[in-house]
Amino acid sequence: MKTIITSTGDLLSSKFDLRFGRAKYFCLYDENTKKTKFYPNPNTEAHSGAGVKTAEKVVEWGAKKVISGDFGPKAKDLLERFNIQMVILPDDNRTIQEIIDSIK
């Protein structure tokens, strides 16, 4: 299963980003292969619709789970429509590696 984790940077040592649509990066973690890949978020500076555009990317990447700090209502609706699980980690100061270790 593929999981997206919102990140402040493109390294496993980067901190978790509480924002979904405007997160700086996304870590795509494949639980089957144990591999990670980071993608910059092209929607960080979008004037509107960042959450929906980001949710569309999640669907495109084939993720079945997204870990973030919050989801806007429109992004949440789109993710629910595609049966993508949303996990909210409020006020989390962990690194991407620590979050991956916790879901292994």
PDB file of N, CA and C in Angstrom:
ATOM      1  N   MET A   1       0.833  -1.178   0.000  1.00  0.00           N
ATOM      2  CA  MET A   1       0.000   0.000   0.000  1.00  0.00           C
ATOM      3  C   MET A   1       0.882   1.247   0.000  1.00  0.00           C
ATOM      4  N   LYS A   2       0.447   2.236  -0.746  1.00  0.00           N
ATOM      5  CA  LYS A   2       1.184   3.500  -0.814  1.00  0.00           C
ATOM      6  C   LYS A   2       0.559   4.525   0.130  1.00  0.00           C
ATOM      7  N   THR A   3       1.443   5.207   0.872  1.00  0.00           N
ATOM      8  CA  THR A   3       1.026   6.226   1.826  1.00  0.00           C
ATOM      9  C   THR A   3       1.727   7.536   1.505  1.00  0.00           C
ATOM     10  N   ILE A   4       0.987   8.626   1.546  1.00  0.00           N
ATOM     11  CA  ILE A   4       1.553   9.966   1.387  1.00  0.00           C
ATOM     12  C   ILE A   4       1.678  10.592   2.773  1.00  0.00           C
ATOM     13  N   ILE A   5       2.840  11.182   3.050  1.00  0.00           N
ATOM     14  CA  ILE A   5       3.067  11.904   4.298  1.00  0.00           C
ATOM     15  C   ILE A   5       3.472  13.322   3.924  1.00  0.00           C
ATOM     16  N   THR A   6       2.788  14.310   4.482  1.00  0.00           N
ATOM     17  CA  THR A   6       3.138  15.707   4.190  1.00  0.00           C
ATOM     18  C   THR A   6       4.424  16.053   4.921  1.00  0.00           C
ATOM     19  N   SER A   7       5.320  16.750   4.219  1.00  0.00           N
ATOM     20  CA  SER A   7       6.666  16.987   4.732  1.00  0.00           C
ATOM     21  C   SER A   7       7.119  18.425   4.484  1.00  0.00           C
ATOM     22  N   THR A   8       8.004  18.895   5.370  1.00  0.00           N
ATOM     23  CA  THR A   8       8.574  20.241   5.204  1.00  0.00           C
ATOM     24  C   THR A   8       9.790  20.231   4.285  1.00  0.00           C
ATOM     25  N   GLY A   9      10.327  19.054   3.979  1.00  0.00           N
ATOM     26  CA  GLY A   9      11.509  18.951   3.134  1.00  0.00           C
ATOM     27  C   GLY A   9      11.527  17.654   2.360  1.00  0.00           C
ATOM     28  N   ASP A  10      12.620  17.407   1.648  1.00  0.00           N
ATOM     29  CA  ASP A  10      12.696  16.224   0.786  1.00  0.00           C
ATOM     30  C   ASP A  10      13.651  15.153   1.308  1.00  0.00           C
ATOM     31  N   LEU A  11      13.793  15.089   2.633  1.00  0.00           N
ATOM     32  CA  LEU A  11      14.649  14.091   3.271  1.00  0.00           C
ATOM     33  C   LEU A  11      13.864  13.345   4.343  1.00  0.00           C
ATOM     34  N   LEU A  12      14.291  12.136   4.654  1.00  0.00           N
ATOM     35  CA  LEU A  12      13.636  11.385   5.728  1.00  0.00           C
ATOM     36  C   LEU A  12      13.790  12.078   7.079  1.00  0.00           C
ATOM     37  N   SER A  13      14.808  12.913   7.212  1.00  0.00           N
ATOM     38  CA  SER A  13      15.020  13.660   8.450  1.00  0.00           C
ATOM     39  C   SER A  13      14.195  14.943   8.517  1.00  0.00           C
ATOM     40  N   SER A  14      13.460  15.249   7.455  1.00  0.00           N
ATOM     41  CA  SER A  14      12.611  16.445   7.431  1.00  0.00           C
ATOM     42  C   SER A  14      11.459  16.288   8.410  1.00  0.00           C
ATOM     43  N   LYS A  15      10.989  17.407   8.886  1.00  0.00           N
ATOM     44  CA  LYS A  15       9.854  17.410   9.814  1.00  0.00           C
ATOM     45  C   LYS A  15       8.535  17.242   9.059  1.00  0.00           C
ATOM     46  N   PHE A  16       7.591  16.678   9.753  1.00  0.00           N
ATOM     47  CA  PHE A  16       6.220  16.517   9.286  1.00  0.00           C
ATOM     48  C   PHE A  16       5.605  17.897   9.051  1.00  0.00           C
ATOM     49  N   ASP A  17       4.847  18.057   7.973  1.00  0.00           N
ATOM     50  CA  ASP A  17       4.167  19.326   7.677  1.00  0.00           C
ATOM     51  C   ASP A  17       2.685  19.157   8.024  1.00  0.00           C
ATOM     52  N   LEU A  18       2.163  20.022   8.880  1.00  0.00           N
ATOM     53  CA  LEU A  18       0.771  19.930   9.309  1.00  0.00           C
ATOM     54  C   LEU A  18      -0.216  20.310   8.213  1.00  0.00           C
ATOM     55  N   ARG A  19       0.255  20.958   7.157  1.00  0.00           N
ATOM     56  CA  ARG A  19      -0.630  21.396   6.071  1.00  0.00           C
ATOM     57  C   ARG A  19      -0.749  20.302   5.011  1.00  0.00           C
ATOM     58  N   PHE A  20      -1.921  20.165   4.438  1.00  0.00           N
ATOM     59  CA  PHE A  20      -2.103  19.205   3.351  1.00  0.00           C
ATOM     60  C   PHE A  20      -1.917  19.882   2.000  1.00  0.00           C
ATOM     61  N   GLY A  21      -2.811  20.745   1.630  1.00  0.00           N
ATOM     62  CA  GLY A  21      -2.781  21.361   0.303  1.00  0.00           C
ATOM     63  C   GLY A  21      -1.584  22.258   0.054  1.00  0.00           C
ATOM     64  N   ARG A  22      -1.030  22.807   1.106  1.00  0.00           N
ATOM     65  CA  ARG A  22       0.107  23.714   0.964  1.00  0.00           C
ATOM     66  C   ARG A  22       1.392  23.172   1.608  1.00  0.00           C
ATOM     67  N   ALA A  23       1.442  21.883   1.839  1.00  0.00           N
ATOM     68  CA  ALA A  23       2.680  21.269   2.347  1.00  0.00           C
ATOM     69  C   ALA A  23       3.805  21.519   1.343  1.00  0.00           C
ATOM     70  N   LYS A  24       5.023  21.645   1.824  1.00  0.00           N
ATOM     71  CA  LYS A  24       6.155  21.896   0.922  1.00  0.00           C
ATOM     72  C   LYS A  24       6.454  20.677   0.051  1.00  0.00           C
ATOM     73  N   TYR A  25       6.422  19.495   0.656  1.00  0.00           N
ATOM     74  CA  TYR A  25       6.746  18.251  -0.055  1.00  0.00           C
ATOM     75  C   TYR A  25       5.794  17.146   0.372  1.00  0.00           C
ATOM     76  N   PHE A  26       5.796  16.084  -0.430  1.00  0.00           N
ATOM     77  CA  PHE A  26       5.071  14.870  -0.104  1.00  0.00           C
ATOM     78  C   PHE A  26       6.040  13.708  -0.162  1.00  0.00           C
ATOM     79  N   CYS A  27       6.003  12.886   0.865  1.00  0.00           N
ATOM     80  CA  CYS A  27       6.783  11.654   0.861  1.00  0.00           C
ATOM     81  C   CYS A  27       5.824  10.534   0.489  1.00  0.00           C
ATOM     82  N   LEU A  28       6.119   9.857  -0.599  1.00  0.00           N
ATOM     83  CA  LEU A  28       5.341   8.690  -1.002  1.00  0.00           C
ATOM     84  C   LEU A  28       6.080   7.468  -0.480  1.00  0.00           C
ATOM     85  N   TYR A  29       5.456   6.781   0.457  1.00  0.00           N
ATOM     86  CA  TYR A  29       6.060   5.597   1.064  1.00  0.00           C
ATOM     87  C   TYR A  29       5.291   4.368   0.606  1.00  0.00           C
ATOM     88  N   ASP A  30       6.007   3.414   0.007  1.00  0.00           N
ATOM     89  CA  ASP A  30       5.404   2.173  -0.455  1.00  0.00           C
ATOM     90  C   ASP A  30       5.670   1.100   0.602  1.00  0.00           C
ATOM     91  N   GLU A  31       4.615   0.681   1.279  1.00  0.00           N
ATOM     92  CA  GLU A  31       4.769  -0.290   2.364  1.00  0.00           C
ATOM     93  C   GLU A  31       5.228  -1.662   1.865  1.00  0.00           C
ATOM     94  N   ASN A  32       4.984  -1.984   0.605  1.00  0.00           N
ATOM     95  CA  ASN A  32       5.402  -3.281   0.057  1.00  0.00           C
ATOM     96  C   ASN A  32       6.902  -3.311  -0.238  1.00  0.00           C
ATOM     97  N   THR A  33       7.403  -2.261  -0.883  1.00  0.00           N
ATOM     98  CA  THR A  33       8.817  -2.239  -1.264  1.00  0.00           C
ATOM     99  C   THR A  33       9.693  -1.550  -0.227  1.00  0.00           C
ATOM    100  N   LYS A  34       9.068  -0.821   0.718  1.00  0.00           N
ATOM    101  CA  LYS A  34       9.763  -0.047   1.764  1.00  0.00           C
ATOM    102  C   LYS A  34      10.551   1.127   1.175  1.00  0.00           C
ATOM    103  N   LYS A  35      10.215   1.530  -0.034  1.00  0.00           N
ATOM    104  CA  LYS A  35      10.911   2.646  -0.679  1.00  0.00           C
ATOM    105  C   LYS A  35      10.136   3.940  -0.482  1.00  0.00           C
ATOM    106  N   THR A  36      10.880   5.053  -0.495  1.00  0.00           N
ATOM    107  CA  THR A  36      10.271   6.369  -0.393  1.00  0.00           C
ATOM    108  C   THR A  36      10.687   7.218  -1.586  1.00  0.00           C
ATOM    109  N   LYS A  37       9.812   8.135  -1.929  1.00  0.00           N
ATOM    110  CA  LYS A  37      10.121   9.100  -2.977  1.00  0.00           C
ATOM    111  C   LYS A  37       9.476  10.417  -2.574  1.00  0.00           C
ATOM    112  N   PHE A  38      10.212  11.501  -2.727  1.00  0.00           N
ATOM    113  CA  PHE A  38       9.705  12.818  -2.360  1.00  0.00           C
ATOM    114  C   PHE A  38       9.313  13.605  -3.608  1.00  0.00           C
ATOM    115  N   TYR A  39       8.205  14.322  -3.493  1.00  0.00           N
ATOM    116  CA  TYR A  39       7.712  15.170  -4.572  1.00  0.00           C
ATOM    117  C   TYR A  39       7.514  16.585  -4.031  1.00  0.00           C
ATOM    118  N   PRO A  40       8.001  17.603  -4.733  1.00  0.00           N
ATOM    119  CA  PRO A  40       7.680  18.975  -4.318  1.00  0.00           C
ATOM    120  C   PRO A  40       6.202  19.243  -4.624  1.00  0.00           C
ATOM    121  N   ASN A  41       5.580  20.060  -3.815  1.00  0.00           N
ATOM    122  CA  ASN A  41       4.180  20.386  -4.012  1.00  0.00           C
ATOM    123  C   ASN A  41       4.057  21.631  -4.894  1.00  0.00           C
ATOM    124  N   PRO A  42       3.495  21.488  -6.081  1.00  0.00           N
ATOM    125  CA  PRO A  42       3.352  22.647  -6.968  1.00  0.00           C
ATOM    126  C   PRO A  42       2.236  23.594  -6.530  1.00  0.00           C
ATOM    127  N   ASN A  43       1.476  23.216  -5.500  1.00  0.00           N
ATOM    128  CA  ASN A  43       0.317  24.001  -5.081  1.00  0.00           C
ATOM    129  C   ASN A  43       0.560  24.866  -3.842  1.00  0.00           C
ATOM    130  N   THR A  44       1.789  24.959  -3.377  1.00  0.00           N
ATOM    131  CA  THR A  44       2.043  25.710  -2.138  1.00  0.00           C
ATOM    132  C   THR A  44       1.663  27.174  -2.254  1.00  0.00           C
ATOM    133  N   GLU A  45       1.790  27.742  -3.436  1.00  0.00           N
ATOM    134  CA  GLU A  45       1.493  29.165  -3.626  1.00  0.00           C
ATOM    135  C   GLU A  45       0.196  29.404  -4.399  1.00  0.00           C
ATOM    136  N   ALA A  46      -0.614  28.371  -4.556  1.00  0.00           N
ATOM    137  CA  ALA A  46      -1.873  28.519  -5.308  1.00  0.00           C
ATOM    138  C   ALA A  46      -2.785  29.515  -4.605  1.00  0.00           C
ATOM    139  N   HIS A  47      -3.455  30.338  -5.395  1.00  0.00           N
ATOM    140  CA  HIS A  47      -4.357  31.335  -4.820  1.00  0.00           C
ATOM    141  C   HIS A  47      -5.601  30.681  -4.227  1.00  0.00           C
ATOM    142  N   SER A  48      -6.062  29.623  -4.852  1.00  0.00           N
ATOM    143  CA  SER A  48      -7.214  28.886  -4.330  1.00  0.00           C
ATOM    144  C   SER A  48      -7.179  27.465  -4.879  1.00  0.00           C
ATOM    145  N   GLY A  49      -7.882  26.575  -4.221  1.00  0.00           N
ATOM    146  CA  GLY A  49      -7.987  25.205  -4.707  1.00  0.00           C
ATOM    147  C   GLY A  49      -6.784  24.330  -4.449  1.00  0.00           C
ATOM    148  N   ALA A  50      -5.882  24.738  -3.568  1.00  0.00           N
ATOM    149  CA  ALA A  50      -4.670  23.948  -3.316  1.00  0.00           C
ATOM    150  C   ALA A  50      -4.997  22.555  -2.787  1.00  0.00           C
ATOM    151  N   GLY A  51      -5.977  22.455  -1.910  1.00  0.00           N
ATOM    152  CA  GLY A  51      -6.336  21.158  -1.335  1.00  0.00           C
ATOM    153  C   GLY A  51      -6.877  20.193  -2.368  1.00  0.00           C
ATOM    154  N   VAL A  52      -7.756  20.672  -3.222  1.00  0.00           N
ATOM    155  CA  VAL A  52      -8.343  19.811  -4.256  1.00  0.00           C
ATOM    156  C   VAL A  52      -7.275  19.389  -5.262  1.00  0.00           C
ATOM    157  N   LYS A  53      -6.449  20.324  -5.690  1.00  0.00           N
ATOM    158  CA  LYS A  53      -5.379  19.996  -6.639  1.00  0.00           C
ATOM    159  C   LYS A  53      -4.418  18.969  -6.035  1.00  0.00           C
ATOM    160  N   THR A  54      -4.138  19.129  -4.765  1.00  0.00           N
ATOM    161  CA  THR A  54      -3.251  18.182  -4.086  1.00  0.00           C
ATOM    162  C   THR A  54      -3.921  16.819  -3.955  1.00  0.00           C
ATOM    163  N   ALA A  55      -5.192  16.790  -3.631  1.00  0.00           N
ATOM    164  CA  ALA A  55      -5.925  15.525  -3.534  1.00  0.00           C
ATOM    165  C   ALA A  55      -5.924  14.799  -4.885  1.00  0.00           C
ATOM    166  N   GLU A  56      -6.044  15.558  -5.970  1.00  0.00           N
ATOM    167  CA  GLU A  56      -5.983  14.948  -7.300  1.00  0.00           C
ATOM    168  C   GLU A  56      -4.634  14.281  -7.540  1.00  0.00           C
ATOM    169  N   LYS A  57      -3.535  14.899  -7.063  1.00  0.00           N
ATOM    170  CA  LYS A  57      -2.197  14.295  -7.201  1.00  0.00           C
ATOM    171  C   LYS A  57      -2.106  13.004  -6.402  1.00  0.00           C
ATOM    172  N   VAL A  58      -2.688  12.999  -5.199  1.00  0.00           N
ATOM    173  CA  VAL A  58      -2.680  11.804  -4.356  1.00  0.00           C
ATOM    174  C   VAL A  58      -3.356  10.644  -5.095  1.00  0.00           C
ATOM    175  N   VAL A  59      -4.483  10.931  -5.716  1.00  0.00           N
ATOM    176  CA  VAL A  59      -5.191   9.914  -6.499  1.00  0.00           C
ATOM    177  C   VAL A  59      -4.312   9.449  -7.663  1.00  0.00           C
ATOM    178  N   GLU A  60      -3.687  10.388  -8.351  1.00  0.00           N
ATOM    179  CA  GLU A  60      -2.816  10.081  -9.489  1.00  0.00           C
ATOM    180  C   GLU A  60      -1.657   9.172  -9.073  1.00  0.00           C
ATOM    181  N   TRP A  61      -1.090   9.415  -7.888  1.00  0.00           N
ATOM    182  CA  TRP A  61       0.044   8.610  -7.404  1.00  0.00           C
ATOM    183  C   TRP A  61      -0.382   7.228  -6.910  1.00  0.00           C
ATOM    184  N   GLY A  62      -1.676   6.986  -6.788  1.00  0.00           N
ATOM    185  CA  GLY A  62      -2.157   5.670  -6.372  1.00  0.00           C
ATOM    186  C   GLY A  62      -2.060   5.413  -4.882  1.00  0.00           C
ATOM    187  N   ALA A  63      -2.002   6.457  -4.075  1.00  0.00           N
ATOM    188  CA  ALA A  63      -1.920   6.284  -2.625  1.00  0.00           C
ATOM    189  C   ALA A  63      -3.279   5.853  -2.067  1.00  0.00           C
ATOM    190  N   LYS A  64      -3.244   5.059  -1.022  1.00  0.00           N
ATOM    191  CA  LYS A  64      -4.464   4.617  -0.348  1.00  0.00           C
ATOM    192  C   LYS A  64      -4.602   5.229   1.038  1.00  0.00           C
ATOM    193  N   LYS A  65      -3.549   5.960   1.473  1.00  0.00           N
ATOM    194  CA  LYS A  65      -3.578   6.608   2.783  1.00  0.00           C
ATOM    195  C   LYS A  65      -2.791   7.904   2.705  1.00  0.00           C
ATOM    196  N   VAL A  66      -3.281   8.936   3.415  1.00  0.00           N
ATOM    197  CA  VAL A  66      -2.585  10.218   3.501  1.00  0.00           C
ATOM    198  C   VAL A  66      -2.471  10.584   4.976  1.00  0.00           C
ATOM    199  N   ILE A  67      -1.263  10.942   5.392  1.00  0.00           N
ATOM    200  CA  ILE A  67      -1.025  11.385   6.758  1.00  0.00           C
ATOM    201  C   ILE A  67      -0.692  12.865   6.705  1.00  0.00           C
ATOM    202  N   SER A  68      -1.498  13.674   7.392  1.00  0.00           N
ATOM    203  CA  SER A  68      -1.295  15.117   7.412  1.00  0.00           C
ATOM    204  C   SER A  68      -1.872  15.681   8.708  1.00  0.00           C
ATOM    205  N   GLY A  69      -1.775  16.994   8.851  1.00  0.00           N
ATOM    206  CA  GLY A  69      -2.292  17.631  10.050  1.00  0.00           C
ATOM    207  C   GLY A  69      -3.744  18.042   9.939  1.00  0.00           C
ATOM    208  N   ASP A  70      -4.219  18.257   8.712  1.00  0.00           N
ATOM    209  CA  ASP A  70      -5.590  18.679   8.512  1.00  0.00           C
ATOM    210  C   ASP A  70      -5.938  18.570   7.030  1.00  0.00           C
ATOM    211  N   PHE A  71      -7.222  18.476   6.747  1.00  0.00           N
ATOM    212  CA  PHE A  71      -7.719  18.399   5.378  1.00  0.00           C
ATOM    213  C   PHE A  71      -8.889  19.363   5.241  1.00  0.00           C
ATOM    214  N   GLY A  72      -8.879  20.158   4.196  1.00  0.00           N
ATOM    215  CA  GLY A  72     -10.009  21.039   3.936  1.00  0.00           C
ATOM    216  C   GLY A  72     -11.214  20.227   3.495  1.00  0.00           C
ATOM    217  N   PRO A  73     -12.415  20.802   3.576  1.00  0.00           N
ATOM    218  CA  PRO A  73     -13.630  20.043   3.247  1.00  0.00           C
ATOM    219  C   PRO A  73     -13.684  19.537   1.813  1.00  0.00           C
ATOM    220  N   LYS A  74     -13.243  20.325   0.851  1.00  0.00           N
ATOM    221  CA  LYS A  74     -13.292  19.885  -0.554  1.00  0.00           C
ATOM    222  C   LYS A  74     -12.271  18.787  -0.820  1.00  0.00           C
ATOM    223  N   ALA A  75     -11.077  18.926  -0.261  1.00  0.00           N
ATOM    224  CA  ALA A  75     -10.062  17.887  -0.419  1.00  0.00           C
ATOM    225  C   ALA A  75     -10.526  16.602   0.258  1.00  0.00           C
ATOM    226  N   LYS A  76     -11.117  16.752   1.432  1.00  0.00           N
ATOM    227  CA  LYS A  76     -11.618  15.592   2.177  1.00  0.00           C
ATOM    228  C   LYS A  76     -12.687  14.854   1.366  1.00  0.00           C
ATOM    229  N   ASP A  77     -13.601  15.593   0.756  1.00  0.00           N
ATOM    230  CA  ASP A  77     -14.646  14.975  -0.068  1.00  0.00           C
ATOM    231  C   ASP A  77     -14.054  14.185  -1.222  1.00  0.00           C
ATOM    232  N   LEU A  78     -13.061  14.758  -1.890  1.00  0.00           N
ATOM    233  CA  LEU A  78     -12.441  14.082  -3.025  1.00  0.00           C
ATOM    234  C   LEU A  78     -11.703  12.816  -2.577  1.00  0.00           C
ATOM    235  N   LEU A  79     -10.948  12.910  -1.492  1.00  0.00           N
ATOM    236  CA  LEU A  79     -10.223  11.743  -0.988  1.00  0.00           C
ATOM    237  C   LEU A  79     -11.193  10.644  -0.555  1.00  0.00           C
ATOM    238  N   GLU A  80     -12.288  11.020   0.086  1.00  0.00           N
ATOM    239  CA  GLU A  80     -13.302  10.031   0.485  1.00  0.00           C
ATOM    240  C   GLU A  80     -13.922   9.357  -0.730  1.00  0.00           C
ATOM    241  N   ARG A  81     -14.159  10.120  -1.783  1.00  0.00           N
ATOM    242  CA  ARG A  81     -14.758   9.570  -3.001  1.00  0.00           C
ATOM    243  C   ARG A  81     -13.885   8.456  -3.593  1.00  0.00           C
ATOM    244  N   PHE A  82     -12.563   8.581  -3.432  1.00  0.00           N
ATOM    245  CA  PHE A  82     -11.641   7.574  -3.955  1.00  0.00           C
ATOM    246  C   PHE A  82     -11.192   6.581  -2.887  1.00  0.00           C
ATOM    247  N   ASN A  83     -11.892   6.558  -1.753  1.00  0.00           N
ATOM    248  CA  ASN A  83     -11.607   5.624  -0.651  1.00  0.00           C
ATOM    249  C   ASN A  83     -10.169   5.709  -0.160  1.00  0.00           C
ATOM    250  N   ILE A  84      -9.670   6.925  -0.046  1.00  0.00           N
ATOM    251  CA  ILE A  84      -8.323   7.143   0.464  1.00  0.00           C
ATOM    252  C   ILE A  84      -8.434   7.510   1.943  1.00  0.00           C
ATOM    253  N   GLN A  85      -7.781   6.711   2.774  1.00  0.00           N
ATOM    254  CA  GLN A  85      -7.827   6.925   4.219  1.00  0.00           C
ATOM    255  C   GLN A  85      -7.050   8.183   4.590  1.00  0.00           C
ATOM    256  N   MET A  86      -7.629   8.995   5.461  1.00  0.00           N
ATOM    257  CA  MET A  86      -6.974  10.207   5.948  1.00  0.00           C
ATOM    258  C   MET A  86      -6.628  10.029   7.416  1.00  0.00           C
ATOM    259  N   VAL A  87      -5.365  10.222   7.743  1.00  0.00           N
ATOM    260  CA  VAL A  87      -4.893  10.124   9.116  1.00  0.00           C
ATOM    261  C   VAL A  87      -4.410  11.507   9.531  1.00  0.00           C
ATOM    262  N   ILE A  88      -4.987  12.021  10.610  1.00  0.00           N
ATOM    263  CA  ILE A  88      -4.622  13.356  11.090  1.00  0.00           C
ATOM    264  C   ILE A  88      -3.708  13.230  12.301  1.00  0.00           C
ATOM    265  N   LEU A  89      -2.546  13.857  12.208  1.00  0.00           N
ATOM    266  CA  LEU A  89      -1.611  13.921  13.318  1.00  0.00           C
ATOM    267  C   LEU A  89      -1.505  15.380  13.753  1.00  0.00           C
ATOM    268  N   PRO A  90      -2.254  15.783  14.756  1.00  0.00           N
ATOM    269  CA  PRO A  90      -2.225  17.189  15.173  1.00  0.00           C
ATOM    270  C   PRO A  90      -0.958  17.523  15.959  1.00  0.00           C
ATOM    271  N   ASP A  91      -0.408  18.686  15.696  1.00  0.00           N
ATOM    272  CA  ASP A  91       0.751  19.208  16.448  1.00  0.00           C
ATOM    273  C   ASP A  91       1.883  18.193  16.562  1.00  0.00           C
ATOM    274  N   ASP A  92       2.174  17.495  15.501  1.00  0.00           N
ATOM    275  CA  ASP A  92       3.210  16.460  15.536  1.00  0.00           C
ATOM    276  C   ASP A  92       4.549  17.050  15.122  1.00  0.00           C
ATOM    277  N   ASN A  93       5.578  16.804  15.898  1.00  0.00           N
ATOM    278  CA  ASN A  93       6.910  17.352  15.636  1.00  0.00           C
ATOM    279  C   ASN A  93       7.884  16.265  15.192  1.00  0.00           C
ATOM    280  N   ARG A  94       7.360  15.124  14.750  1.00  0.00           N
ATOM    281  CA  ARG A  94       8.217  14.013  14.341  1.00  0.00           C
ATOM    282  C   ARG A  94       8.787  14.222  12.940  1.00  0.00           C
ATOM    283  N   THR A  95       9.829  13.465  12.655  1.00  0.00           N
ATOM    284  CA  THR A  95      10.399  13.457  11.308  1.00  0.00           C
ATOM    285  C   THR A  95       9.615  12.467  10.446  1.00  0.00           C
ATOM    286  N   ILE A  96       9.838  12.548   9.152  1.00  0.00           N
ATOM    287  CA  ILE A  96       9.204  11.609   8.232  1.00  0.00           C
ATOM    288  C   ILE A  96       9.635  10.183   8.565  1.00  0.00           C
ATOM    289  N   GLN A  97      10.909   9.995   8.868  1.00  0.00           N
ATOM    290  CA  GLN A  97      11.396   8.662   9.219  1.00  0.00           C
ATOM    291  C   GLN A  97      10.696   8.120  10.460  1.00  0.00           C
ATOM    292  N   GLU A  98      10.489   8.944  11.462  1.00  0.00           N
ATOM    293  CA  GLU A  98       9.811   8.505  12.679  1.00  0.00           C
ATOM    294  C   GLU A  98       8.360   8.111  12.397  1.00  0.00           C
ATOM    295  N   ILE A  99       7.719   8.829  11.512  1.00  0.00           N
ATOM    296  CA  ILE A  99       6.334   8.484  11.157  1.00  0.00           C
ATOM    297  C   ILE A  99       6.314   7.156  10.376  1.00  0.00           C
ATOM    298  N   ILE A 100       7.242   7.000   9.447  1.00  0.00           N
ATOM    299  CA  ILE A 100       7.320   5.733   8.693  1.00  0.00           C
ATOM    300  C   ILE A 100       7.582   4.577   9.647  1.00  0.00           C
ATOM    301  N   ASP A 101       8.491   4.759  10.593  1.00  0.00           N
ATOM    302  CA  ASP A 101       8.785   3.702  11.571  1.00  0.00           C
ATOM    303  C   ASP A 101       7.550   3.322  12.376  1.00  0.00           C
ATOM    304  N   SER A 102       6.683   4.294  12.650  1.00  0.00           N
ATOM    305  CA  SER A 102       5.488   4.021  13.449  1.00  0.00           C
ATOM    306  C   SER A 102       4.395   3.281  12.661  1.00  0.00           C
ATOM    307  N   ILE A 103       4.453   3.324  11.335  1.00  0.00           N
ATOM    308  CA  ILE A 103       3.436   2.626  10.544  1.00  0.00           C
ATOM    309  C   ILE A 103       3.926   1.302   9.967  1.00  0.00           C
ATOM    310  N   LYS A 104       5.180   0.980  10.176  1.00  0.00           N
ATOM    311  CA  LYS A 104       5.718  -0.286   9.653  1.00  0.00           C
ATOM    312  C   LYS A 104       5.091  -1.465  10.352  1.00  0.00           C
TER     313      LYS A 104
END
